[in-house]
Full PDB file with SEQRES, HELIX, SHEET, SSBOND, CRYST1, ORIGX, SCALE, CONECT and MASTER records, all heavy atoms in Angstrom:
SEQRES   1 A   37  PHE LEU SER SER THR LEU SER ILE LYS ASN GLY ILE ALA          
SEQRES   2 A   37  ILE THR SER THR LEU ASP ILE LEU GLY ALA ILE ALA ALA          
SEQRES   3 A   37  GLY ARG GLY PRO LYS SER ALA MET VAL ALA LEU                  
HELIX    1 AA1 LEU A   18  ALA A   25  1                                   8    
SHEET    1 AA1 2 LEU A   6  LYS A   9  0                                        
SHEET    2 AA1 2 ILE A  12  ILE A  14 -1                                        
CRYST1    1.000    1.000    1.000  90.00  90.00  90.00 P 1           1          
ORIGX1      1.000000  0.000000  0.000000        0.00000                         
ORIGX2      0.000000  1.000000  0.000000        0.00000                         
ORIGX3      0.000000  0.000000  1.000000        0.00000                         
SCALE1      1.000000  0.000000  0.000000        0.00000                         
SCALE2      0.000000  1.000000  0.000000        0.00000                         
SCALE3      0.000000  0.000000  1.000000        0.00000                         
ATOM      1  N   PHE A   1      -2.055   5.188   7.892  1.00  0.00           N  
ATOM      2  CA  PHE A   1      -2.525   3.866   7.492  1.00  0.00           C  
ATOM      3  C   PHE A   1      -3.792   3.984   6.658  1.00  0.00           C  
ATOM      4  O   PHE A   1      -4.720   4.694   7.021  1.00  0.00           O  
ATOM      5  CB  PHE A   1      -2.796   3.013   8.744  1.00  0.00           C  
ATOM      6  CG  PHE A   1      -2.705   1.541   8.486  1.00  0.00           C  
ATOM      7  CD1 PHE A   1      -1.492   0.887   8.589  1.00  0.00           C  
ATOM      8  CD2 PHE A   1      -3.827   0.812   8.127  1.00  0.00           C  
ATOM      9  CE1 PHE A   1      -1.391  -0.475   8.345  1.00  0.00           C  
ATOM     10  CE2 PHE A   1      -3.738  -0.551   7.883  1.00  0.00           C  
ATOM     11  CZ  PHE A   1      -2.514  -1.198   7.996  1.00  0.00           C  
ATOM     12  N   LEU A   2      -3.812   3.303   5.514  1.00  0.00           N  
ATOM     13  CA  LEU A   2      -4.985   3.183   4.659  1.00  0.00           C  
ATOM     14  C   LEU A   2      -5.338   1.700   4.554  1.00  0.00           C  
ATOM     15  O   LEU A   2      -4.539   0.836   4.940  1.00  0.00           O  
ATOM     16  CB  LEU A   2      -4.679   3.701   3.245  1.00  0.00           C  
ATOM     17  CG  LEU A   2      -4.322   5.170   3.101  1.00  0.00           C  
ATOM     18  CD1 LEU A   2      -3.814   5.454   1.689  1.00  0.00           C  
ATOM     19  CD2 LEU A   2      -5.543   6.025   3.395  1.00  0.00           C  
ATOM     20  N   SER A   3      -6.476   1.391   3.973  1.00  0.00           N  
ATOM     21  CA  SER A   3      -6.824  -0.023   3.785  1.00  0.00           C  
ATOM     22  C   SER A   3      -5.822  -0.708   2.862  1.00  0.00           C  
ATOM     23  O   SER A   3      -5.632  -1.921   2.938  1.00  0.00           O  
ATOM     24  CB  SER A   3      -8.245  -0.155   3.235  1.00  0.00           C  
ATOM     25  OG  SER A   3      -8.348   0.489   1.974  1.00  0.00           O  
ATOM     26  N   SER A   4      -5.134   0.059   2.018  1.00  0.00           N  
ATOM     27  CA  SER A   4      -4.147  -0.503   1.096  1.00  0.00           C  
ATOM     28  C   SER A   4      -2.733  -0.533   1.676  1.00  0.00           C  
ATOM     29  O   SER A   4      -1.792  -0.952   1.003  1.00  0.00           O  
ATOM     30  CB  SER A   4      -4.136   0.302  -0.205  1.00  0.00           C  
ATOM     31  OG  SER A   4      -3.833   1.655   0.065  1.00  0.00           O  
ATOM     32  N   THR A   5      -2.576  -0.105   2.910  1.00  0.00           N  
ATOM     33  CA  THR A   5      -1.265  -0.063   3.558  1.00  0.00           C  
ATOM     34  C   THR A   5      -0.904  -1.434   4.112  1.00  0.00           C  
ATOM     35  O   THR A   5      -1.745  -2.123   4.699  1.00  0.00           O  
ATOM     36  CB  THR A   5      -1.255   0.981   4.690  1.00  0.00           C  
ATOM     37  OG1 THR A   5      -1.531   2.264   4.131  1.00  0.00           O  
ATOM     38  CG2 THR A   5       0.076   1.027   5.412  1.00  0.00           C  
ATOM     39  N   LEU A   6       0.346  -1.808   3.928  1.00  0.00           N  
ATOM     40  CA  LEU A   6       0.868  -3.060   4.476  1.00  0.00           C  
ATOM     41  C   LEU A   6       1.825  -2.709   5.607  1.00  0.00           C  
ATOM     42  O   LEU A   6       2.809  -1.998   5.399  1.00  0.00           O  
ATOM     43  CB  LEU A   6       1.600  -3.845   3.389  1.00  0.00           C  
ATOM     44  CG  LEU A   6       2.288  -5.137   3.802  1.00  0.00           C  
ATOM     45  CD1 LEU A   6       1.271  -6.148   4.323  1.00  0.00           C  
ATOM     46  CD2 LEU A   6       3.049  -5.712   2.619  1.00  0.00           C  
ATOM     47  N   SER A   7       1.528  -3.185   6.812  1.00  0.00           N  
ATOM     48  CA  SER A   7       2.401  -2.957   7.958  1.00  0.00           C  
ATOM     49  C   SER A   7       3.573  -3.929   7.865  1.00  0.00           C  
ATOM     50  O   SER A   7       3.380  -5.128   7.690  1.00  0.00           O  
ATOM     51  CB  SER A   7       1.627  -3.168   9.254  1.00  0.00           C  
ATOM     52  OG  SER A   7       2.470  -2.955  10.360  1.00  0.00           O  
ATOM     53  N   ILE A   8       4.789  -3.413   7.969  1.00  0.00           N  
ATOM     54  CA  ILE A   8       5.976  -4.256   7.873  1.00  0.00           C  
ATOM     55  C   ILE A   8       6.399  -4.668   9.283  1.00  0.00           C  
ATOM     56  O   ILE A   8       6.070  -5.738   9.742  1.00  0.00           O  
ATOM     57  CB  ILE A   8       7.129  -3.524   7.139  1.00  0.00           C  
ATOM     58  CG1 ILE A   8       6.675  -3.094   5.748  1.00  0.00           C  
ATOM     59  CG2 ILE A   8       8.363  -4.392   7.053  1.00  0.00           C  
ATOM     60  CD1 ILE A   8       6.226  -4.213   4.848  1.00  0.00           C  
ATOM     61  N   LYS A   9       7.139  -3.814   9.963  1.00  0.00           N  
ATOM     62  CA  LYS A   9       7.538  -4.051  11.349  1.00  0.00           C  
ATOM     63  C   LYS A   9       8.273  -2.826  11.853  1.00  0.00           C  
ATOM     64  O   LYS A   9       8.654  -1.960  11.069  1.00  0.00           O  
ATOM     65  CB  LYS A   9       8.391  -5.307  11.501  1.00  0.00           C  
ATOM     66  CG  LYS A   9       9.760  -5.225  10.833  1.00  0.00           C  
ATOM     67  CD  LYS A   9      10.527  -6.522  10.919  1.00  0.00           C  
ATOM     68  CE  LYS A   9      11.382  -6.580  12.145  1.00  0.00           C  
ATOM     69  NZ  LYS A   9      12.288  -7.710  12.193  1.00  0.00           N  
ATOM     70  N   ASN A  10       8.478  -2.763  13.138  1.00  0.00           N  
ATOM     71  CA  ASN A  10       9.261  -1.686  13.757  1.00  0.00           C  
ATOM     72  C   ASN A  10       8.819  -0.292  13.321  1.00  0.00           C  
ATOM     73  O   ASN A  10       9.633   0.568  13.048  1.00  0.00           O  
ATOM     74  CB  ASN A  10      10.747  -1.861  13.443  1.00  0.00           C  
ATOM     75  CG  ASN A  10      11.306  -3.165  13.942  1.00  0.00           C  
ATOM     76  OD1 ASN A  10      10.772  -3.763  14.865  1.00  0.00           O  
ATOM     77  ND2 ASN A  10      12.372  -3.633  13.331  1.00  0.00           N  
ATOM     78  N   GLY A  11       7.508  -0.058  13.215  1.00  0.00           N  
ATOM     79  CA  GLY A  11       7.011   1.266  12.875  1.00  0.00           C  
ATOM     80  C   GLY A  11       7.112   1.614  11.404  1.00  0.00           C  
ATOM     81  O   GLY A  11       7.064   2.785  11.043  1.00  0.00           O  
ATOM     82  N   ILE A  12       7.254   0.609  10.525  1.00  0.00           N  
ATOM     83  CA  ILE A  12       7.417   0.839   9.098  1.00  0.00           C  
ATOM     84  C   ILE A  12       6.236   0.227   8.353  1.00  0.00           C  
ATOM     85  O   ILE A  12       5.766  -0.857   8.687  1.00  0.00           O  
ATOM     86  CB  ILE A  12       8.729   0.208   8.591  1.00  0.00           C  
ATOM     87  CG1 ILE A  12       9.916   0.799   9.353  1.00  0.00           C  
ATOM     88  CG2 ILE A  12       8.896   0.414   7.087  1.00  0.00           C  
ATOM     89  CD1 ILE A  12      11.201   0.034   9.167  1.00  0.00           C  
ATOM     90  N   ALA A  13       5.760   0.945   7.327  1.00  0.00           N  
ATOM     91  CA  ALA A  13       4.646   0.466   6.513  1.00  0.00           C  
ATOM     92  C   ALA A  13       4.922   0.798   5.049  1.00  0.00           C  
ATOM     93  O   ALA A  13       5.807   1.606   4.735  1.00  0.00           O  
ATOM     94  CB  ALA A  13       3.342   1.105   6.974  1.00  0.00           C  
ATOM     95  N   ILE A  14       4.154   0.173   4.154  1.00  0.00           N  
ATOM     96  CA  ILE A  14       4.273   0.419   2.718  1.00  0.00           C  
ATOM     97  C   ILE A  14       2.877   0.638   2.159  1.00  0.00           C  
ATOM     98  O   ILE A  14       1.952  -0.119   2.461  1.00  0.00           O  
ATOM     99  CB  ILE A  14       4.925  -0.766   1.980  1.00  0.00           C  
ATOM    100  CG1 ILE A  14       6.377  -0.943   2.420  1.00  0.00           C  
ATOM    101  CG2 ILE A  14       4.861  -0.570   0.471  1.00  0.00           C  
ATOM    102  CD1 ILE A  14       7.070  -2.129   1.793  1.00  0.00           C  
ATOM    103  N   THR A  15       2.740   1.680   1.342  1.00  0.00           N  
ATOM    104  CA  THR A  15       1.492   1.937   0.637  1.00  0.00           C  
ATOM    105  C   THR A  15       1.820   2.148  -0.831  1.00  0.00           C  
ATOM    106  O   THR A  15       2.764   2.866  -1.159  1.00  0.00           O  
ATOM    107  CB  THR A  15       0.774   3.173   1.211  1.00  0.00           C  
ATOM    108  OG1 THR A  15       0.534   2.969   2.607  1.00  0.00           O  
ATOM    109  CG2 THR A  15      -0.551   3.427   0.512  1.00  0.00           C  
ATOM    110  N   SER A  16       1.023   1.533  -1.704  1.00  0.00           N  
ATOM    111  CA  SER A  16       1.324   1.635  -3.136  1.00  0.00           C  
ATOM    112  C   SER A  16       0.190   2.263  -3.945  1.00  0.00           C  
ATOM    113  O   SER A  16       0.138   2.108  -5.149  1.00  0.00           O  
ATOM    114  CB  SER A  16       1.667   0.249  -3.699  1.00  0.00           C  
ATOM    115  OG  SER A  16       0.576  -0.625  -3.516  1.00  0.00           O  
ATOM    116  N   THR A  17      -0.716   2.964  -3.274  1.00  0.00           N  
ATOM    117  CA  THR A  17      -1.785   3.651  -3.997  1.00  0.00           C  
ATOM    118  C   THR A  17      -1.497   5.147  -4.046  1.00  0.00           C  
ATOM    119  O   THR A  17      -0.742   5.679  -3.219  1.00  0.00           O  
ATOM    120  CB  THR A  17      -3.154   3.419  -3.327  1.00  0.00           C  
ATOM    121  OG1 THR A  17      -3.110   3.914  -1.985  1.00  0.00           O  
ATOM    122  CG2 THR A  17      -3.517   1.941  -3.317  1.00  0.00           C  
ATOM    123  N   LEU A  18      -2.107   5.822  -5.010  1.00  0.00           N  
ATOM    124  CA  LEU A  18      -1.878   7.263  -5.170  1.00  0.00           C  
ATOM    125  C   LEU A  18      -2.393   8.087  -4.002  1.00  0.00           C  
ATOM    126  O   LEU A  18      -1.957   9.219  -3.813  1.00  0.00           O  
ATOM    127  CB  LEU A  18      -2.530   7.746  -6.469  1.00  0.00           C  
ATOM    128  CG  LEU A  18      -1.860   7.280  -7.754  1.00  0.00           C  
ATOM    129  CD1 LEU A  18      -2.683   7.713  -8.964  1.00  0.00           C  
ATOM    130  CD2 LEU A  18      -0.448   7.824  -7.845  1.00  0.00           C  
ATOM    131  N   ASP A  19      -3.299   7.531  -3.194  1.00  0.00           N  
ATOM    132  CA  ASP A  19      -3.862   8.268  -2.060  1.00  0.00           C  
ATOM    133  C   ASP A  19      -2.783   8.830  -1.148  1.00  0.00           C  
ATOM    134  O   ASP A  19      -2.898   9.949  -0.661  1.00  0.00           O  
ATOM    135  CB  ASP A  19      -4.778   7.359  -1.230  1.00  0.00           C  
ATOM    136  CG  ASP A  19      -5.924   6.788  -2.033  1.00  0.00           C  
ATOM    137  OD1 ASP A  19      -6.317   7.425  -3.021  1.00  0.00           O  
ATOM    138  OD2 ASP A  19      -6.412   5.706  -1.676  1.00  0.00           O  
ATOM    139  N   ILE A  20      -1.734   8.066  -0.933  1.00  0.00           N  
ATOM    140  CA  ILE A  20      -0.697   8.521  -0.011  1.00  0.00           C  
ATOM    141  C   ILE A  20       0.050   9.728  -0.566  1.00  0.00           C  
ATOM    142  O   ILE A  20       0.424  10.634   0.173  1.00  0.00           O  
ATOM    143  CB  ILE A  20       0.270   7.384   0.389  1.00  0.00           C  
ATOM    144  CG1 ILE A  20       1.162   7.849   1.546  1.00  0.00           C  
ATOM    145  CG2 ILE A  20       1.081   6.907  -0.799  1.00  0.00           C  
ATOM    146  CD1 ILE A  20       1.945   6.762   2.218  1.00  0.00           C  
ATOM    147  N   LEU A  21       0.260   9.765  -1.870  1.00  0.00           N  
ATOM    148  CA  LEU A  21       0.942  10.927  -2.459  1.00  0.00           C  
ATOM    149  C   LEU A  21       0.113  12.187  -2.292  1.00  0.00           C  
ATOM    150  O   LEU A  21       0.639  13.260  -1.991  1.00  0.00           O  
ATOM    151  CB  LEU A  21       1.261  10.672  -3.935  1.00  0.00           C  
ATOM    152  CG  LEU A  21       2.224   9.518  -4.210  1.00  0.00           C  
ATOM    153  CD1 LEU A  21       2.410   9.347  -5.715  1.00  0.00           C  
ATOM    154  CD2 LEU A  21       3.548   9.733  -3.521  1.00  0.00           C  
ATOM    155  N   GLY A  22      -1.206  12.069  -2.462  1.00  0.00           N  
ATOM    156  CA  GLY A  22      -2.090  13.216  -2.234  1.00  0.00           C  
ATOM    157  C   GLY A  22      -2.065  13.665  -0.789  1.00  0.00           C  
ATOM    158  O   GLY A  22      -2.032  14.865  -0.496  1.00  0.00           O  
ATOM    159  N   ALA A  23      -2.045  12.701   0.136  1.00  0.00           N  
ATOM    160  CA  ALA A  23      -2.005  13.037   1.567  1.00  0.00           C  
ATOM    161  C   ALA A  23      -0.689  13.724   1.918  1.00  0.00           C  
ATOM    162  O   ALA A  23      -0.678  14.710   2.673  1.00  0.00           O  
ATOM    163  CB  ALA A  23      -2.198  11.777   2.401  1.00  0.00           C  
ATOM    164  N   ILE A  24       0.414  13.247   1.370  1.00  0.00           N  
ATOM    165  CA  ILE A  24       1.708  13.884   1.630  1.00  0.00           C  
ATOM    166  C   ILE A  24       1.708  15.299   1.081  1.00  0.00           C  
ATOM    167  O   ILE A  24       2.127  16.243   1.760  1.00  0.00           O  
ATOM    168  CB  ILE A  24       2.860  13.041   1.023  1.00  0.00           C  
ATOM    169  CG1 ILE A  24       3.022  11.733   1.806  1.00  0.00           C  
ATOM    170  CG2 ILE A  24       4.163  13.835   1.022  1.00  0.00           C  
ATOM    171  CD1 ILE A  24       3.968  10.724   1.152  1.00  0.00           C  
ATOM    172  N   ALA A  25       1.220  15.479  -0.140  1.00  0.00           N  
ATOM    173  CA  ALA A  25       1.179  16.816  -0.765  1.00  0.00           C  
ATOM    174  C   ALA A  25       0.310  17.782   0.029  1.00  0.00           C  
ATOM    175  O   ALA A  25       0.608  18.982   0.097  1.00  0.00           O  
ATOM    176  CB  ALA A  25       0.675  16.701  -2.200  1.00  0.00           C  
ATOM    177  N   ALA A  26      -0.747  17.261   0.658  1.00  0.00           N  
ATOM    178  CA  ALA A  26      -1.659  18.104   1.437  1.00  0.00           C  
ATOM    179  C   ALA A  26      -1.214  18.278   2.880  1.00  0.00           C  
ATOM    180  O   ALA A  26      -1.898  18.947   3.662  1.00  0.00           O  
ATOM    181  CB  ALA A  26      -3.064  17.507   1.399  1.00  0.00           C  
ATOM    182  N   GLY A  27      -0.083  17.682   3.256  1.00  0.00           N  
ATOM    183  CA  GLY A  27       0.409  17.797   4.627  1.00  0.00           C  
ATOM    184  C   GLY A  27      -0.308  16.885   5.602  1.00  0.00           C  
ATOM    185  O   GLY A  27      -0.228  17.084   6.810  1.00  0.00           O  
ATOM    186  N   ARG A  28      -1.028  15.875   5.118  1.00  0.00           N  
ATOM    187  CA  ARG A  28      -1.756  14.942   5.985  1.00  0.00           C  
ATOM    188  C   ARG A  28      -1.161  13.543   5.941  1.00  0.00           C  
ATOM    189  O   ARG A  28      -1.774  12.585   6.398  1.00  0.00           O  
ATOM    190  CB  ARG A  28      -3.220  14.864   5.556  1.00  0.00           C  
ATOM    191  CG  ARG A  28      -3.992  16.169   5.691  1.00  0.00           C  
ATOM    192  CD  ARG A  28      -5.402  15.965   5.243  1.00  0.00           C  
ATOM    193  NE  ARG A  28      -5.336  15.017   4.159  1.00  0.00           N  
ATOM    194  CZ  ARG A  28      -5.789  15.112   2.905  1.00  0.00           C  
ATOM    195  NH1 ARG A  28      -6.408  15.969   2.568  1.00  0.00           N  
ATOM    196  NH2 ARG A  28      -5.646  14.274   1.960  1.00  0.00           N  
ATOM    197  N   GLY A  29       0.017  13.410   5.365  1.00  0.00           N  
ATOM    198  CA  GLY A  29       0.638  12.101   5.207  1.00  0.00           C  
ATOM    199  C   GLY A  29       1.402  11.662   6.438  1.00  0.00           C  
ATOM    200  O   GLY A  29       1.288  12.245   7.514  1.00  0.00           O  
ATOM    201  N   PRO A  30       2.205  10.636   6.287  1.00  0.00           N  
ATOM    202  CA  PRO A  30       2.988  10.108   7.409  1.00  0.00           C  
ATOM    203  C   PRO A  30       4.094  11.084   7.837  1.00  0.00           C  
ATOM    204  O   PRO A  30       4.509  11.940   7.058  1.00  0.00           O  
ATOM    205  CB  PRO A  30       3.590   8.824   6.833  1.00  0.00           C  
ATOM    206  CG  PRO A  30       3.601   9.029   5.356  1.00  0.00           C  
ATOM    207  CD  PRO A  30       2.430   9.891   5.046  1.00  0.00           C  
ATOM    208  N   LYS A  31       4.545  10.889   9.052  1.00  0.00           N  
ATOM    209  CA  LYS A  31       5.633  11.711   9.603  1.00  0.00           C  
ATOM    210  C   LYS A  31       6.891  11.572   8.746  1.00  0.00           C  
ATOM    211  O   LYS A  31       7.580  12.535   8.464  1.00  0.00           O  
ATOM    212  CB  LYS A  31       5.897  11.283  11.045  1.00  0.00           C  
ATOM    213  CG  LYS A  31       7.125  11.876  11.699  1.00  0.00           C  
ATOM    214  CD  LYS A  31       7.389  11.243  13.055  1.00  0.00           C  
ATOM    215  CE  LYS A  31       7.789   9.821  12.837  1.00  0.00           C  
ATOM    216  NZ  LYS A  31       8.457   9.105  13.852  1.00  0.00           N  
ATOM    217  N   SER A  32       7.191  10.351   8.318  1.00  0.00           N  
ATOM    218  CA  SER A  32       8.376  10.065   7.512  1.00  0.00           C  
ATOM    219  C   SER A  32       7.968   9.229   6.315  1.00  0.00           C  
ATOM    220  O   SER A  32       7.113   8.349   6.427  1.00  0.00           O  
ATOM    221  CB  SER A  32       9.410   9.287   8.326  1.00  0.00           C  
ATOM    222  OG  SER A  32       9.803   9.996   9.477  1.00  0.00           O  
ATOM    223  N   ALA A  33       8.596   9.504   5.165  1.00  0.00           N  
ATOM    224  CA  ALA A  33       8.257   8.739   3.962  1.00  0.00           C  
ATOM    225  C   ALA A  33       9.415   8.754   2.978  1.00  0.00           C  
ATOM    226  O   ALA A  33      10.209   9.690   2.941  1.00  0.00           O  
ATOM    227  CB  ALA A  33       7.010   9.320   3.304  1.00  0.00           C  
ATOM    228  N   MET A  34       9.486   7.682   2.194  1.00  0.00           N  
ATOM    229  CA  MET A  34      10.470   7.582   1.118  1.00  0.00           C  
ATOM    230  C   MET A  34       9.758   6.952  -0.079  1.00  0.00           C  
ATOM    231  O   MET A  34       9.190   5.857   0.037  1.00  0.00           O  
ATOM    232  CB  MET A  34      11.657   6.716   1.543  1.00  0.00           C  
ATOM    233  CG  MET A  34      12.678   6.545   0.440  1.00  0.00           C  
ATOM    234  SD  MET A  34      14.204   5.695   0.935  1.00  0.00           S  
ATOM    235  CE  MET A  34      13.604   4.219   1.704  1.00  0.00           C  
ATOM    236  N   VAL A  35       9.772   7.653  -1.200  1.00  0.00           N  
ATOM    237  CA  VAL A  35       9.154   7.137  -2.410  1.00  0.00           C  
ATOM    238  C   VAL A  35      10.167   6.253  -3.131  1.00  0.00           C  
ATOM    239  O   VAL A  35      11.326   6.639  -3.303  1.00  0.00           O  
ATOM    240  CB  VAL A  35       8.692   8.291  -3.333  1.00  0.00           C  
ATOM    241  CG1 VAL A  35       8.122   7.756  -4.627  1.00  0.00           C  
ATOM    242  CG2 VAL A  35       7.670   9.168  -2.608  1.00  0.00           C  
ATOM    243  N   ALA A  36       9.731   5.074  -3.530  1.00  0.00           N  
ATOM    244  CA  ALA A  36      10.608   4.138  -4.234  1.00  0.00           C  
ATOM    245  C   ALA A  36       9.970   3.793  -5.578  1.00  0.00           C  
ATOM    246  O   ALA A  36       8.798   3.443  -5.649  1.00  0.00           O  
ATOM    247  CB  ALA A  36      10.807   2.881  -3.401  1.00  0.00           C  
ATOM    248  N   LEU A  37      10.759   3.918  -6.615  1.00  0.00           N  
ATOM    249  CA  LEU A  37      10.308   3.573  -7.960  1.00  0.00           C  
ATOM    250  C   LEU A  37      11.256   2.531  -8.524  1.00  0.00           C  
ATOM    251  O   LEU A  37      12.461   2.603  -8.317  1.00  0.00           O  
ATOM    252  CB  LEU A  37      10.314   4.803  -8.875  1.00  0.00           C  
ATOM    253  CG  LEU A  37       9.427   5.961  -8.460  1.00  0.00           C  
ATOM    254  CD1 LEU A  37       9.681   7.166  -9.351  1.00  0.00           C  
ATOM    255  CD2 LEU A  37       7.968   5.555  -8.515  1.00  0.00           C  
TER     256      LEU A  37                                                      
MASTER        0    0    0    1    2    0    0    6  255    1    0    3          
END                                                                             
């Protein structure tokens, strides 16, 4: 969760800032993720 993260429901969230991509690349991101373009 970041300040830019939107909590949806049932354990699901959405983040649209580049910070999350850096965290995923560094192994510090969420347990599960799907990039949508």
